[in-house]
């Protein structure tokens, strides 16, 4: 597990309209940071026929509830 720096903790404390995005500067890969409970909620639907757009809408709704 990676521990956040104090600056990162402060940034996460700010209200966000969507999950925070992270960038790996070595590879330029982008990631989305979710709380474990949000991740588990989203992965429950892996076996469902949901489209990518529906999953993204669910992720956005979860992020809005978190703010």
N, C-alpha and C. Protein backbone atom coordinates (compact mmCIF):
# COMPACT_ATOMS: atom_id res chain seq x y z
N UNK A 1 0.85 -1.17 0.00
CA UNK A 1 0.00 0.00 0.00
C UNK A 1 0.90 1.24 0.00
N UNK A 2 0.52 2.24 -0.75
CA UNK A 2 1.26 3.49 -0.84
C UNK A 2 0.62 4.49 0.12
N UNK A 3 1.42 5.10 0.97
CA UNK A 3 0.90 6.12 1.88
C UNK A 3 0.99 7.48 1.21
N UNK A 4 -0.06 8.28 1.42
CA UNK A 4 -0.12 9.62 0.84
C UNK A 4 0.75 10.59 1.62
N UNK A 5 1.27 11.58 0.93
CA UNK A 5 1.99 12.66 1.60
C UNK A 5 0.95 13.60 2.21
N UNK A 6 1.40 14.48 3.09
CA UNK A 6 0.47 15.45 3.70
C UNK A 6 -0.17 16.34 2.63
N UNK A 7 0.59 16.74 1.63
CA UNK A 7 0.04 17.57 0.55
C UNK A 7 -1.04 16.81 -0.22
N UNK A 8 -0.85 15.51 -0.43
CA UNK A 8 -1.85 14.72 -1.13
C UNK A 8 -3.11 14.55 -0.28
N UNK A 9 -2.93 14.37 1.01
CA UNK A 9 -4.09 14.26 1.92
C UNK A 9 -4.90 15.56 1.87
N UNK A 10 -4.21 16.69 1.90
CA UNK A 10 -4.91 17.98 1.84
C UNK A 10 -5.66 18.13 0.52
N UNK A 11 -5.05 17.71 -0.58
CA UNK A 11 -5.71 17.80 -1.89
C UNK A 11 -6.96 16.93 -1.93
N UNK A 12 -6.89 15.75 -1.35
CA UNK A 12 -8.04 14.86 -1.33
C UNK A 12 -9.15 15.37 -0.42
N UNK A 13 -8.82 16.24 0.51
CA UNK A 13 -9.81 16.80 1.42
C UNK A 13 -10.69 17.83 0.73
N UNK A 14 -10.24 18.36 -0.41
CA UNK A 14 -11.00 19.35 -1.16
C UNK A 14 -12.16 18.67 -1.89
N UNK A 15 -13.29 19.37 -2.05
CA UNK A 15 -14.41 18.78 -2.79
C UNK A 15 -14.04 18.58 -4.27
N UNK A 16 -14.45 17.45 -4.80
CA UNK A 16 -14.21 17.12 -6.21
C UNK A 16 -15.53 16.73 -6.86
N UNK A 17 -15.70 17.09 -8.12
CA UNK A 17 -16.90 16.69 -8.84
C UNK A 17 -16.74 15.31 -9.48
N UNK A 18 -15.52 14.83 -9.53
CA UNK A 18 -15.25 13.48 -10.04
C UNK A 18 -14.08 12.92 -9.24
N UNK A 19 -13.85 11.61 -9.33
CA UNK A 19 -12.73 11.04 -8.57
C UNK A 19 -11.40 11.68 -8.97
N UNK A 20 -10.50 11.84 -8.02
CA UNK A 20 -9.19 12.42 -8.34
C UNK A 20 -8.45 11.55 -9.36
N UNK A 21 -7.74 12.22 -10.26
CA UNK A 21 -6.95 11.51 -11.26
C UNK A 21 -5.48 11.63 -10.90
N UNK A 22 -4.74 10.56 -11.16
CA UNK A 22 -3.32 10.51 -10.87
C UNK A 22 -2.57 10.22 -12.16
N UNK A 23 -1.36 10.73 -12.26
CA UNK A 23 -0.55 10.52 -13.45
C UNK A 23 0.79 9.92 -13.08
N UNK A 24 1.15 8.84 -13.74
CA UNK A 24 2.48 8.26 -13.58
C UNK A 24 3.40 9.02 -14.53
N UNK A 25 4.32 9.84 -14.02
CA UNK A 25 5.14 10.67 -14.89
C UNK A 25 6.12 9.86 -15.76
N UNK A 26 6.42 8.65 -15.35
CA UNK A 26 7.33 7.82 -16.15
C UNK A 26 6.66 7.25 -17.39
N UNK A 27 5.38 6.90 -17.27
CA UNK A 27 4.69 6.24 -18.38
C UNK A 27 3.58 7.09 -18.99
N UNK A 28 3.24 8.20 -18.32
CA UNK A 28 2.10 9.05 -18.71
C UNK A 28 0.77 8.31 -18.63
N UNK A 29 0.72 7.22 -17.86
CA UNK A 29 -0.54 6.52 -17.63
C UNK A 29 -1.35 7.30 -16.60
N UNK A 30 -2.65 7.40 -16.87
CA UNK A 30 -3.55 8.09 -15.95
C UNK A 30 -4.35 7.06 -15.16
N UNK A 31 -4.61 7.37 -13.91
CA UNK A 31 -5.36 6.51 -13.01
C UNK A 31 -6.43 7.34 -12.31
N UNK A 32 -7.46 6.66 -11.82
CA UNK A 32 -8.50 7.29 -11.03
C UNK A 32 -8.42 6.71 -9.63
N UNK A 33 -8.48 7.58 -8.64
CA UNK A 33 -8.40 7.16 -7.24
C UNK A 33 -9.80 7.03 -6.66
N UNK A 34 -10.13 5.83 -6.20
CA UNK A 34 -11.44 5.57 -5.58
C UNK A 34 -11.21 5.01 -4.18
N UNK A 35 -12.16 5.33 -3.28
CA UNK A 35 -12.14 4.68 -1.98
C UNK A 35 -12.46 3.20 -2.20
N UNK A 36 -12.02 2.35 -1.30
CA UNK A 36 -12.24 0.92 -1.45
C UNK A 36 -13.72 0.59 -1.55
N UNK A 37 -14.57 1.23 -0.75
CA UNK A 37 -16.00 0.93 -0.81
C UNK A 37 -16.59 1.30 -2.17
N UNK A 38 -16.11 2.39 -2.77
CA UNK A 38 -16.58 2.78 -4.10
C UNK A 38 -16.13 1.76 -5.15
N UNK A 39 -14.88 1.32 -5.04
CA UNK A 39 -14.34 0.33 -5.97
C UNK A 39 -15.14 -0.97 -5.88
N UNK A 40 -15.41 -1.42 -4.66
CA UNK A 40 -16.17 -2.66 -4.49
C UNK A 40 -17.57 -2.53 -5.06
N UNK A 41 -18.19 -1.36 -4.88
CA UNK A 41 -19.52 -1.15 -5.44
C UNK A 41 -19.49 -1.25 -6.96
N UNK A 42 -18.49 -0.68 -7.57
CA UNK A 42 -18.39 -0.72 -9.02
C UNK A 42 -18.06 -2.11 -9.54
N UNK A 43 -17.21 -2.84 -8.84
CA UNK A 43 -16.80 -4.16 -9.33
C UNK A 43 -17.89 -5.20 -9.12
N UNK A 44 -18.88 -4.91 -8.31
CA UNK A 44 -20.01 -5.83 -8.18
C UNK A 44 -20.73 -6.00 -9.50
N UNK A 45 -20.58 -5.04 -10.39
CA UNK A 45 -21.31 -5.05 -11.65
C UNK A 45 -20.49 -5.63 -12.81
N UNK A 46 -19.33 -6.20 -12.51
CA UNK A 46 -18.48 -6.74 -13.57
C UNK A 46 -19.19 -7.79 -14.42
N UNK A 47 -20.07 -8.57 -13.84
CA UNK A 47 -20.76 -9.63 -14.57
C UNK A 47 -22.05 -9.14 -15.22
N UNK A 48 -22.32 -7.86 -15.12
CA UNK A 48 -23.57 -7.33 -15.66
C UNK A 48 -23.39 -6.93 -17.12
N UNK A 49 -24.48 -6.72 -17.81
CA UNK A 49 -24.40 -6.30 -19.21
C UNK A 49 -24.25 -4.78 -19.38
N UNK A 50 -23.81 -4.07 -18.32
CA UNK A 50 -23.68 -2.62 -18.39
C UNK A 50 -22.66 -2.22 -19.44
N UNK A 51 -22.96 -1.15 -20.11
CA UNK A 51 -22.00 -0.60 -21.07
C UNK A 51 -20.95 0.22 -20.33
N UNK A 52 -19.88 0.56 -21.02
CA UNK A 52 -18.83 1.39 -20.42
C UNK A 52 -19.40 2.73 -19.99
N UNK A 53 -20.31 3.29 -20.79
CA UNK A 53 -20.92 4.58 -20.46
C UNK A 53 -21.75 4.48 -19.19
N UNK A 54 -22.47 3.38 -19.03
CA UNK A 54 -23.28 3.20 -17.82
C UNK A 54 -22.38 3.06 -16.59
N UNK A 55 -21.28 2.34 -16.72
CA UNK A 55 -20.35 2.21 -15.61
C UNK A 55 -19.72 3.54 -15.25
N UNK A 56 -19.39 4.35 -16.26
CA UNK A 56 -18.83 5.67 -16.00
C UNK A 56 -19.85 6.56 -15.31
N UNK A 57 -21.12 6.47 -15.71
CA UNK A 57 -22.17 7.25 -15.07
C UNK A 57 -22.32 6.83 -13.61
N UNK A 58 -22.23 5.54 -13.34
CA UNK A 58 -22.32 5.05 -11.97
C UNK A 58 -21.14 5.55 -11.15
N UNK A 59 -19.95 5.56 -11.74
CA UNK A 59 -18.77 6.06 -11.05
C UNK A 59 -18.92 7.54 -10.73
N UNK A 60 -19.45 8.31 -11.68
CA UNK A 60 -19.66 9.74 -11.46
C UNK A 60 -20.68 9.97 -10.35
N UNK A 61 -21.74 9.18 -10.34
CA UNK A 61 -22.76 9.33 -9.30
C UNK A 61 -22.17 9.01 -7.93
N UNK A 62 -21.33 7.99 -7.86
CA UNK A 62 -20.67 7.63 -6.61
C UNK A 62 -19.78 8.77 -6.14
N UNK A 63 -19.05 9.36 -7.07
CA UNK A 63 -18.16 10.47 -6.72
C UNK A 63 -18.95 11.66 -6.21
N UNK A 64 -20.10 11.93 -6.81
CA UNK A 64 -20.92 13.06 -6.37
C UNK A 64 -21.43 12.83 -4.95
N UNK A 65 -21.81 11.60 -4.64
CA UNK A 65 -22.28 11.30 -3.28
C UNK A 65 -21.17 11.44 -2.27
N UNK A 66 -19.92 11.22 -2.69
CA UNK A 66 -18.78 11.29 -1.78
C UNK A 66 -18.43 12.73 -1.40
N UNK A 67 -18.86 13.68 -2.21
CA UNK A 67 -18.51 15.09 -1.96
C UNK A 67 -19.41 15.73 -0.94
